[in-house]
Amino acid sequence: MSAPTPLPVSVVIVAKNEALNLPRCLASVAGWTAEIVVVLNATTDASEAIARAHGAIVHHLPWRGYRDTKNAGLDLAAHPWVLSLDADEAVSPALRQSLAAFFARPDRDTFAGATFPRKVWFIDRWITHGDWYPDYSLRLLRRDRARWGGDAFVHEKVECQGPVARLAGDLFHYSFPTLASHVGKINPFADLFVQQHRARGTKFSLVAAIFRPAWRFFRAYVLRRGFLDGFPGFYIAWATAFGAFVRYSRLFEAEHRREPSDS
């Protein structure tokens, strides 16, 4: 029996020193997609060897920020349709079936992209409520009608010129292997937040610093039923609120910090 024909899609992954995550990500798309492109920047681990072992085409590009580096990756794809993944993600069997069904549709090229839910594994379970789920992510796109847009520093997002389909099946996300790794990302994201707001000329707001964290907790834990995810859901709601508070506090610091005086 001959092997099934691969889906006419290029998988594009932008990564730096992701040797631990890449095998899982690549294994989830190898064999049933027409092309895998891995874009590495300043990588010093075994990522290139791992990517090539899974049949990927490897390119080395300088880091240009999330938005521009991902767009550079799109330009390296050979197919009109691109599935854009991060190294700490993996396509679930259910999502793979949905993608196959989408490419079997005669009207698929009337769409500029497709979105599907992303589900995070955290501590001891899949998170299925709160701010982290369903987290619909637009990751399947036509290169001629969609590009990565948004802010150059953070919160990049796909912008489409045309209708977007919604597919079933989760994109698995293994973003935080430990709770400490989650805590460790609070400051890097605060750095990007400060850069973004300084570039826009946005000033610190005490009202925002107080009420936005409170709102984030209430929305995640109560309105979006984060309490159904047990203690991890409680932690996520509190950590999300605290992260927002740190970001605004860092903005205050950037505007007001000065060296101590001698008197």
C-alpha atoms as a PDB file:
ATOM      1  CA  MET A   1       0.000   0.000   0.000  1.00  0.00           C
ATOM      2  CA  SER A   2       1.375   3.408  -0.958  1.00  0.00           C
ATOM      3  CA  ALA A   3       1.825   6.118   1.665  1.00  0.00           C
ATOM      4  CA  PRO A   4      -0.899   8.799   1.814  1.00  0.00           C
ATOM      5  CA  THR A   5      -0.204  11.972  -0.119  1.00  0.00           C
ATOM      6  CA  PRO A   6       1.147  14.697   2.196  1.00  0.00           C
ATOM      7  CA  LEU A   7      -1.043  17.733   2.727  1.00  0.00           C
ATOM      8  CA  PRO A   8       0.011  20.645   0.485  1.00  0.00           C
ATOM      9  CA  VAL A   9       1.231  22.786   3.369  1.00  0.00           C
ATOM     10  CA  SER A  10       4.610  24.062   4.559  1.00  0.00           C
ATOM     11  CA  VAL A  11       5.215  23.886   8.295  1.00  0.00           C
ATOM     12  CA  VAL A  12       7.350  26.832   9.453  1.00  0.00           C
ATOM     13  CA  ILE A  13       8.970  26.808  12.892  1.00  0.00           C
ATOM     14  CA  VAL A  14      11.092  29.668  14.266  1.00  0.00           C
ATOM     15  CA  ALA A  15      13.323  28.544  17.116  1.00  0.00           C
ATOM     16  CA  LYS A  16      16.403  29.251  19.203  1.00  0.00           C
ATOM     17  CA  ASN A  17      18.057  26.523  21.288  1.00  0.00           C
ATOM     18  CA  GLU A  18      14.933  24.340  21.337  1.00  0.00           C
ATOM     19  CA  ALA A  19      16.590  20.908  21.247  1.00  0.00           C
ATOM     20  CA  LEU A  20      14.349  19.670  24.079  1.00  0.00           C
ATOM     21  CA  ASN A  21      11.073  20.696  22.428  1.00  0.00           C
ATOM     22  CA  LEU A  22      11.770  20.248  18.714  1.00  0.00           C
ATOM     23  CA  PRO A  23      11.555  16.414  18.583  1.00  0.00           C
ATOM     24  CA  ARG A  24       7.962  16.444  19.865  1.00  0.00           C
ATOM     25  CA  CYS A  25       6.934  19.308  17.601  1.00  0.00           C
ATOM     26  CA  LEU A  26       8.554  17.851  14.486  1.00  0.00           C
ATOM     27  CA  ALA A  27       7.232  14.351  15.138  1.00  0.00           C
ATOM     28  CA  SER A  28       3.689  15.746  15.220  1.00  0.00           C
ATOM     29  CA  VAL A  29       3.935  17.032  11.624  1.00  0.00           C
ATOM     30  CA  ALA A  30       6.507  14.774   9.967  1.00  0.00           C
ATOM     31  CA  GLY A  31       5.274  12.438   7.241  1.00  0.00           C
ATOM     32  CA  TRP A  32       1.922  14.043   6.471  1.00  0.00           C
ATOM     33  CA  THR A  33       2.927  17.609   5.543  1.00  0.00           C
ATOM     34  CA  ALA A  34       4.659  18.454   2.273  1.00  0.00           C
ATOM     35  CA  GLU A  35       7.473  20.519   3.771  1.00  0.00           C
ATOM     36  CA  ILE A  36       8.963  21.467   7.134  1.00  0.00           C
ATOM     37  CA  VAL A  37      11.055  24.627   7.388  1.00  0.00           C
ATOM     38  CA  VAL A  38      12.942  25.361  10.608  1.00  0.00           C
ATOM     39  CA  VAL A  39      14.324  28.883  11.020  1.00  0.00           C
ATOM     40  CA  LEU A  40      17.065  29.093  13.644  1.00  0.00           C
ATOM     41  CA  ASN A  41      18.603  32.232  15.105  1.00  0.00           C
ATOM     42  CA  ALA A  42      21.850  32.281  17.108  1.00  0.00           C
ATOM     43  CA  THR A  43      21.330  28.621  17.996  1.00  0.00           C
ATOM     44  CA  THR A  44      24.130  26.808  19.830  1.00  0.00           C
ATOM     45  CA  ASP A  45      22.487  23.477  20.749  1.00  0.00           C
ATOM     46  CA  ALA A  46      21.583  20.411  18.657  1.00  0.00           C
ATOM     47  CA  SER A  47      18.459  21.975  17.113  1.00  0.00           C
ATOM     48  CA  GLU A  48      19.810  21.879  13.553  1.00  0.00           C
ATOM     49  CA  ALA A  49      20.746  18.198  13.696  1.00  0.00           C
ATOM     50  CA  ILE A  50      17.363  17.321  15.216  1.00  0.00           C
ATOM     51  CA  ALA A  51      15.499  19.286  12.529  1.00  0.00           C
ATOM     52  CA  ARG A  52      17.425  17.663   9.687  1.00  0.00           C
ATOM     53  CA  ALA A  53      16.866  14.211  11.192  1.00  0.00           C
ATOM     54  CA  HIS A  54      13.110  14.850  10.879  1.00  0.00           C
ATOM     55  CA  GLY A  55      13.455  15.864   7.239  1.00  0.00           C
ATOM     56  CA  ALA A  56      13.266  19.614   7.805  1.00  0.00           C
ATOM     57  CA  ILE A  57      14.926  22.293   5.710  1.00  0.00           C
ATOM     58  CA  VAL A  58      17.018  24.475   8.010  1.00  0.00           C
ATOM     59  CA  HIS A  59      17.772  28.178   7.607  1.00  0.00           C
ATOM     60  CA  HIS A  60      19.758  30.468   9.900  1.00  0.00           C
ATOM     61  CA  LEU A  61      18.433  34.033  10.152  1.00  0.00           C
ATOM     62  CA  PRO A  62      19.227  36.913  12.509  1.00  0.00           C
ATOM     63  CA  TRP A  63      16.591  37.796  15.093  1.00  0.00           C
ATOM     64  CA  ARG A  64      14.381  40.687  13.939  1.00  0.00           C
ATOM     65  CA  GLY A  65      11.700  40.502  16.591  1.00  0.00           C
ATOM     66  CA  TYR A  66       8.808  38.047  16.673  1.00  0.00           C
ATOM     67  CA  ARG A  67       6.754  39.601  13.886  1.00  0.00           C
ATOM     68  CA  ASP A  68       9.495  40.213  11.340  1.00  0.00           C
ATOM     69  CA  THR A  69      11.368  36.960  11.959  1.00  0.00           C
ATOM     70  CA  LYS A  70       8.176  34.942  11.494  1.00  0.00           C
ATOM     71  CA  ASN A  71       7.417  36.815   8.274  1.00  0.00           C
ATOM     72  CA  ALA A  72      10.920  36.036   7.038  1.00  0.00           C
ATOM     73  CA  GLY A  73      10.135  32.390   7.748  1.00  0.00           C
ATOM     74  CA  LEU A  74       6.951  32.589   5.679  1.00  0.00           C
ATOM     75  CA  ASP A  75       8.987  33.796   2.713  1.00  0.00           C
ATOM     76  CA  LEU A  76      11.110  30.636   2.861  1.00  0.00           C
ATOM     77  CA  ALA A  77       8.116  28.311   2.438  1.00  0.00           C
ATOM     78  CA  ALA A  78       7.531  26.605  -0.903  1.00  0.00           C
ATOM     79  CA  HIS A  79       3.757  26.188  -0.622  1.00  0.00           C
ATOM     80  CA  PRO A  80       0.975  28.796  -0.576  1.00  0.00           C
ATOM     81  CA  TRP A  81      -0.439  27.374   2.658  1.00  0.00           C
ATOM     82  CA  VAL A  82       1.707  27.586   5.803  1.00  0.00           C
ATOM     83  CA  LEU A  83       1.181  26.032   9.218  1.00  0.00           C
ATOM     84  CA  SER A  84       3.136  28.256  11.614  1.00  0.00           C
ATOM     85  CA  LEU A  85       4.234  26.551  14.831  1.00  0.00           C
ATOM     86  CA  ASP A  86       6.394  27.317  17.841  1.00  0.00           C
ATOM     87  CA  ALA A  87       8.883  24.689  18.943  1.00  0.00           C
ATOM     88  CA  ASP A  88       6.988  24.062  22.196  1.00  0.00           C
ATOM     89  CA  GLU A  89       3.773  23.200  20.337  1.00  0.00           C
ATOM     90  CA  ALA A  90       2.531  19.989  18.731  1.00  0.00           C
ATOM     91  CA  VAL A  91      -0.369  19.120  16.435  1.00  0.00           C
ATOM     92  CA  SER A  92      -2.825  16.792  18.178  1.00  0.00           C
ATOM     93  CA  PRO A  93      -4.294  13.795  16.303  1.00  0.00           C
ATOM     94  CA  ALA A  94      -7.691  15.514  16.333  1.00  0.00           C
ATOM     95  CA  LEU A  95      -6.257  18.691  14.815  1.00  0.00           C
ATOM     96  CA  ARG A  96      -4.411  16.669  12.183  1.00  0.00           C
ATOM     97  CA  GLN A  97      -7.741  15.143  11.134  1.00  0.00           C
ATOM     98  CA  SER A  98      -9.334  18.597  10.970  1.00  0.00           C
ATOM     99  CA  LEU A  99      -6.498  19.882   8.807  1.00  0.00           C
ATOM    100  CA  ALA A 100      -6.862  16.943   6.438  1.00  0.00           C
ATOM    101  CA  ALA A 101     -10.602  17.606   6.195  1.00  0.00           C
ATOM    102  CA  PHE A 102      -9.954  21.287   5.528  1.00  0.00           C
ATOM    103  CA  PHE A 103      -7.560  20.572   2.658  1.00  0.00           C
ATOM    104  CA  ALA A 104     -10.099  18.169   1.172  1.00  0.00           C
ATOM    105  CA  ARG A 105     -12.646  20.984   0.931  1.00  0.00           C
ATOM    106  CA  PRO A 106     -13.159  22.337  -2.600  1.00  0.00           C
ATOM    107  CA  ASP A 107     -13.584  25.848  -1.200  1.00  0.00           C
ATOM    108  CA  ARG A 108     -10.401  25.888   0.918  1.00  0.00           C
ATOM    109  CA  ASP A 109      -8.710  28.554  -1.199  1.00  0.00           C
ATOM    110  CA  THR A 110     -11.543  30.991  -0.584  1.00  0.00           C
ATOM    111  CA  PHE A 111     -10.121  31.321   2.939  1.00  0.00           C
ATOM    112  CA  ALA A 112      -7.104  33.380   3.924  1.00  0.00           C
ATOM    113  CA  GLY A 113      -6.439  31.343   7.050  1.00  0.00           C
ATOM    114  CA  ALA A 114      -7.805  29.025   9.701  1.00  0.00           C
ATOM    115  CA  THR A 115      -7.906  29.174  13.480  1.00  0.00           C
ATOM    116  CA  PHE A 116      -8.109  26.419  16.082  1.00  0.00           C
ATOM    117  CA  PRO A 117      -7.915  26.122  19.888  1.00  0.00           C
ATOM    118  CA  ARG A 118      -4.588  25.868  21.706  1.00  0.00           C
ATOM    119  CA  LYS A 119      -4.409  23.861  24.935  1.00  0.00           C
ATOM    120  CA  VAL A 120      -1.642  24.161  27.550  1.00  0.00           C
ATOM    121  CA  TRP A 121      -0.219  21.387  29.716  1.00  0.00           C
ATOM    122  CA  PHE A 122       0.578  22.879  33.122  1.00  0.00           C
ATOM    123  CA  ILE A 123       1.922  21.079  36.223  1.00  0.00           C
ATOM    124  CA  ASP A 124      -0.310  17.991  36.164  1.00  0.00           C
ATOM    125  CA  ARG A 125      -3.134  18.583  33.682  1.00  0.00           C
ATOM    126  CA  TRP A 126      -4.417  20.121  30.492  1.00  0.00           C
ATOM    127  CA  ILE A 127      -5.832  23.564  31.231  1.00  0.00           C
ATOM    128  CA  THR A 128      -9.328  23.799  29.758  1.00  0.00           C
ATOM    129  CA  HIS A 129     -10.719  27.010  31.277  1.00  0.00           C
ATOM    130  CA  GLY A 130      -9.698  30.531  32.252  1.00  0.00           C
ATOM    131  CA  ASP A 131      -7.559  32.830  30.130  1.00  0.00           C
ATOM    132  CA  TRP A 132      -5.551  29.942  28.696  1.00  0.00           C
ATOM    133  CA  TYR A 133      -8.295  28.020  26.915  1.00  0.00           C
ATOM    134  CA  PRO A 134      -9.570  27.804  24.255  1.00  0.00           C
ATOM    135  CA  ASP A 135      -7.053  30.481  23.157  1.00  0.00           C
ATOM    136  CA  TYR A 136      -8.005  30.291  19.469  1.00  0.00           C
ATOM    137  CA  SER A 137      -4.841  30.748  17.420  1.00  0.00           C
ATOM    138  CA  LEU A 138      -4.681  31.620  13.734  1.00  0.00           C
ATOM    139  CA  ARG A 139      -1.760  29.477  12.594  1.00  0.00           C
ATOM    140  CA  LEU A 140      -2.820  28.168   9.191  1.00  0.00           C
ATOM    141  CA  LEU A 141      -2.538  30.880   6.569  1.00  0.00           C
ATOM    142  CA  ARG A 142      -2.170  31.583   2.889  1.00  0.00           C
ATOM    143  CA  ARG A 143       1.058  33.491   2.324  1.00  0.00           C
ATOM    144  CA  ASP A 144      -0.435  35.642  -0.424  1.00  0.00           C
ATOM    145  CA  ARG A 145      -3.272  36.906   1.810  1.00  0.00           C
ATOM    146  CA  ALA A 146      -1.924  36.794   5.338  1.00  0.00           C
ATOM    147  CA  ARG A 147       1.151  38.006   7.208  1.00  0.00           C
ATOM    148  CA  TRP A 148       2.295  38.360  10.784  1.00  0.00           C
ATOM    149  CA  GLY A 149       1.352  41.826  12.000  1.00  0.00           C
ATOM    150  CA  GLY A 150       0.840  43.607  15.289  1.00  0.00           C
ATOM    151  CA  ASP A 151       3.549  45.129  17.423  1.00  0.00           C
ATOM    152  CA  ALA A 152       7.187  44.511  16.504  1.00  0.00           C
ATOM    153  CA  PHE A 153       8.133  43.798  20.134  1.00  0.00           C
ATOM    154  CA  VAL A 154       5.437  41.437  21.387  1.00  0.00           C
ATOM    155  CA  HIS A 155       1.880  40.207  20.753  1.00  0.00           C
ATOM    156  CA  GLU A 156       2.436  39.504  17.087  1.00  0.00           C
ATOM    157  CA  LYS A 157      -0.652  38.136  15.339  1.00  0.00           C
ATOM    158  CA  VAL A 158      -1.645  36.969  11.902  1.00  0.00           C
ATOM    159  CA  GLU A 159      -3.541  39.549   9.857  1.00  0.00           C
ATOM    160  CA  CYS A 160      -5.630  38.113   7.009  1.00  0.00           C
ATOM    161  CA  GLN A 161      -7.155  39.620   3.896  1.00  0.00           C
ATOM    162  CA  GLY A 162     -10.151  37.361   3.570  1.00  0.00           C
ATOM    163  CA  PRO A 163     -12.370  34.992   5.564  1.00  0.00           C
ATOM    164  CA  VAL A 164     -10.950  32.754   8.284  1.00  0.00           C
ATOM    165  CA  ALA A 165     -12.143  29.194   8.907  1.00  0.00           C
ATOM    166  CA  ARG A 166     -12.465  27.725  12.406  1.00  0.00           C
ATOM    167  CA  LEU A 167     -11.250  24.159  12.847  1.00  0.00           C
ATOM    168  CA  ALA A 168     -11.766  21.625  15.624  1.00  0.00           C
ATOM    169  CA  GLY A 169      -8.916  19.862  17.400  1.00  0.00           C
ATOM    170  CA  ASP A 170      -6.364  21.305  19.799  1.00  0.00           C
ATOM    171  CA  LEU A 171      -2.890  22.591  19.170  1.00  0.00           C
ATOM    172  CA  PHE A 172      -0.982  21.244  22.155  1.00  0.00           C
ATOM    173  CA  HIS A 173       1.202  23.795  23.944  1.00  0.00           C
ATOM    174  CA  TYR A 174       3.985  22.745  26.323  1.00  0.00           C
ATOM    175  CA  SER A 175       5.044  26.273  27.158  1.00  0.00           C
ATOM    176  CA  PHE A 176       5.880  25.865  30.848  1.00  0.00           C
ATOM    177  CA  PRO A 177       7.601  22.591  31.816  1.00  0.00           C
ATOM    178  CA  THR A 178       7.787  23.813  35.425  1.00  0.00           C
ATOM    179  CA  LEU A 179       6.095  26.476  37.498  1.00  0.00           C
ATOM    180  CA  ALA A 180       9.493  28.156  37.855  1.00  0.00           C
ATOM    181  CA  SER A 181       9.727  28.482  34.076  1.00  0.00           C
ATOM    182  CA  HIS A 182       6.423  30.363  34.116  1.00  0.00           C
ATOM    183  CA  VAL A 183       7.615  32.706  36.852  1.00  0.00           C
ATOM    184  CA  GLY A 184      10.839  33.250  34.916  1.00  0.00           C
ATOM    185  CA  LYS A 185       8.939  34.686  31.956  1.00  0.00           C
ATOM    186  CA  ILE A 186       7.231  37.450  33.916  1.00  0.00           C
ATOM    187  CA  ASN A 187      10.170  39.843  33.674  1.00  0.00           C
ATOM    188  CA  PRO A 188      11.077  39.183  30.017  1.00  0.00           C
ATOM    189  CA  PHE A 189       7.484  39.911  29.036  1.00  0.00           C
ATOM    190  CA  ALA A 190       7.565  43.004  31.248  1.00  0.00           C
ATOM    191  CA  ASP A 191      10.684  44.127  29.348  1.00  0.00           C
ATOM    192  CA  LEU A 192       8.794  43.846  26.067  1.00  0.00           C
ATOM    193  CA  PHE A 193       5.767  45.611  27.551  1.00  0.00           C
ATOM    194  CA  VAL A 194       7.933  48.554  28.623  1.00  0.00           C
ATOM    195  CA  GLN A 195       9.635  48.746  25.208  1.00  0.00           C
ATOM    196  CA  GLN A 196       6.258  48.684  23.491  1.00  0.00           C
ATOM    197  CA  HIS A 197       4.720  51.432  25.607  1.00  0.00           C
ATOM    198  CA  ARG A 198       7.815  53.624  25.561  1.00  0.00           C
ATOM    199  CA  ALA A 199       7.870  53.365  21.752  1.00  0.00           C
ATOM    200  CA  ARG A 200       4.216  54.455  21.667  1.00  0.00           C
ATOM    201  CA  GLY A 201       4.768  57.228  24.181  1.00  0.00           C
ATOM    202  CA  THR A 202       2.253  55.678  26.599  1.00  0.00           C
ATOM    203  CA  LYS A 203       2.548  56.960  30.170  1.00  0.00           C
ATOM    204  CA  PHE A 204       2.140  55.052  33.423  1.00  0.00           C
ATOM    205  CA  SER A 205      -1.410  55.006  34.804  1.00  0.00           C
ATOM    206  CA  LEU A 206      -2.051  54.295  38.476  1.00  0.00           C
ATOM    207  CA  VAL A 207      -5.661  53.420  37.666  1.00  0.00           C
ATOM    208  CA  ALA A 208      -4.541  50.837  35.119  1.00  0.00           C
ATOM    209  CA  ALA A 209      -1.891  49.465  37.501  1.00  0.00           C
ATOM    210  CA  ILE A 210      -4.554  48.836  40.146  1.00  0.00           C
ATOM    211  CA  PHE A 211      -7.626  47.808  38.210  1.00  0.00           C
ATOM    212  CA  ARG A 212      -6.217  45.854  35.276  1.00  0.00           C
ATOM    213  CA  PRO A 213      -4.630  43.145  37.473  1.00  0.00           C
ATOM    214  CA  ALA A 214      -7.843  42.874  39.514  1.00  0.00           C
ATOM    215  CA  TRP A 215      -9.895  42.562  36.343  1.00  0.00           C
ATOM    216  CA  ARG A 216      -7.530  39.932  34.911  1.00  0.00           C
ATOM    217  CA  PHE A 217      -7.966  37.745  37.995  1.00  0.00           C
ATOM    218  CA  PHE A 218     -11.758  38.118  38.085  1.00  0.00           C
ATOM    219  CA  ARG A 219     -12.111  37.437  34.375  1.00  0.00           C
ATOM    220  CA  ALA A 220      -9.855  34.365  34.396  1.00  0.00           C
ATOM    221  CA  TYR A 221     -11.001  32.748  37.627  1.00  0.00           C
ATOM    222  CA  VAL A 222     -14.691  33.640  37.750  1.00  0.00           C
ATOM    223  CA  LEU A 223     -16.035  34.655  34.345  1.00  0.00           C
ATOM    224  CA  ARG A 224     -13.959  32.129  32.410  1.00  0.00           C
ATOM    225  CA  ARG A 225     -14.307  29.474  35.137  1.00  0.00           C
ATOM    226  CA  GLY A 226     -10.642  29.004  35.915  1.00  0.00           C
ATOM    227  CA  PHE A 227     -11.728  27.504  39.242  1.00  0.00           C
ATOM    228  CA  LEU A 228     -12.653  24.334  37.332  1.00  0.00           C
ATOM    229  CA  ASP A 229      -8.953  23.679  36.708  1.00  0.00           C
ATOM    230  CA  GLY A 230      -8.278  23.200  40.411  1.00  0.00           C
ATOM    231  CA  PHE A 231      -5.244  24.754  42.067  1.00  0.00           C
ATOM    232  CA  PRO A 232      -3.402  25.238  38.727  1.00  0.00           C
ATOM    233  CA  GLY A 233      -6.371  27.355  37.606  1.00  0.00           C
ATOM    234  CA  PHE A 234      -6.149  29.415  40.783  1.00  0.00           C
ATOM    235  CA  TYR A 235      -2.409  29.891  40.306  1.00  0.00           C
ATOM    236  CA  ILE A 236      -2.812  30.917  36.663  1.00  0.00           C
ATOM    237  CA  ALA A 237      -5.396  33.569  37.539  1.00  0.00           C
ATOM    238  CA  TRP A 238      -3.228  35.013  40.318  1.00  0.00           C
ATOM    239  CA  ALA A 239      -0.047  34.840  38.244  1.00  0.00           C
ATOM    240  CA  THR A 240      -1.758  36.543  35.313  1.00  0.00           C
ATOM    241  CA  ALA A 241      -2.883  39.354  37.605  1.00  0.00           C
ATOM    242  CA  PHE A 242       0.560  39.645  39.178  1.00  0.00           C
ATOM    243  CA  GLY A 243       2.221  39.678  35.771  1.00  0.00           C
ATOM    244  CA  ALA A 244       0.032  42.598  34.748  1.00  0.00           C
ATOM    245  CA  PHE A 245       0.926  44.412  37.974  1.00  0.00           C
ATOM    246  CA  VAL A 246       4.650  43.852  37.370  1.00  0.00           C
ATOM    247  CA  ARG A 247       4.389  45.186  33.819  1.00  0.00           C
ATOM    248  CA  TYR A 248       2.765  48.443  34.920  1.00  0.00           C
ATOM    249  CA  SER A 249       5.172  48.744  37.841  1.00  0.00           C
ATOM    250  CA  ARG A 250       8.097  48.344  35.466  1.00  0.00           C
ATOM    251  CA  LEU A 251       6.631  51.099  33.299  1.00  0.00           C
ATOM    252  CA  PHE A 252       6.485  53.341  36.373  1.00  0.00           C
ATOM    253  CA  GLU A 253      10.106  52.489  37.110  1.00  0.00           C
ATOM    254  CA  ALA A 254      11.193  53.287  33.556  1.00  0.00           C
ATOM    255  CA  GLU A 255       9.647  56.748  33.840  1.00  0.00           C
ATOM    256  CA  HIS A 256      10.747  57.629  37.384  1.00  0.00           C
ATOM    257  CA  ARG A 257      13.875  55.721  38.296  1.00  0.00           C
ATOM    258  CA  ARG A 258      16.905  57.824  39.220  1.00  0.00           C
ATOM    259  CA  GLU A 259      20.175  57.293  41.045  1.00  0.00           C
ATOM    260  CA  PRO A 260      20.221  58.019  44.787  1.00  0.00           C
ATOM    261  CA  SER A 261      21.392  61.477  45.757  1.00  0.00           C
ATOM    262  CA  ASP A 262      24.244  62.137  48.165  1.00  0.00           C
ATOM    263  CA  SER A 263      22.137  64.211  50.521  1.00  0.00           C
END
